[in-house]
Amino acid sequence: MNGRLIVFEGVEGCGKTSQMQLCQEWLQNLGISVVVTREPGGTPLGLDLRRLLLDAENKTIFNTTELLLYAADRSQHVEQKLKPNLEKGNIILCDRYTDSTIAYQGYGRGLDINLIKQLNAIATGGLESDLTLWLDVDIEVGLSRKRADNDIADRIELEAIAFHRRVQQGYSQLQASQEKIVRIDASLNKEAVQKMIQTTLSDRLKGWNYV
């Protein structure tokens, strides 16, 4: 595969959506073909799964059921969206990938992390990100940003603060153990965060022969 998979990760309200949009515009101005996608919901089937997973009214989804639904979304996404675009040589900006499942369902829900890694391997067919940008922001700051946006809180955002703290701990542990995960200080203003992202990506793009 000739393309590259760049994943944006982080807790609720870390700014992934706006930073991905700015990053897409920057890359396109460089003449690079970019595809933006997300998990869950990067395919038509994934949109249905996303509605099930994030609907705040679905209060009886068990933890293992949740894990398997995310895996189903990922399997469809990899085959229908990620692999075809990587084969075309596109740069893919993906909102969440395998590390989200480890952070949220592993650390957050307390499910077996080795089991999650096995499911991730099955769902992805071994496809890993080329670079993961962890937008690190304090839990309270992230959640307050979400409230300020006047968004209707989804099922995950409504979880107790202790859950979100465990998720944050999960990301910290993952970043400490994987060189491909780069921490971005997402507590800064939008322009400063984007500058950090562009600096990180500029070096990678040269190494990948995109610029």
Foldseek 3Di string as FASTA:
>chain_A
DQAAEEEEDEFAQLCLVVLVVVVVVVCVVVVAAEAEAEPQPRDPVSVVLCCQLWAQVNPPQDLVNSLVSSLVSLLCCLVPPVVVCVVVHHYYYYYDALLLCCLQSCQLVVDDNVVSVVSSCVSNVNDDGQAYEYSDDDPVNRLVSVVVVVDDGINVSPDDPVSSVSSNVSVVVVVVVDVRYDYFHSVDDPVNSSVVVCVVVVVVCVVSVVD
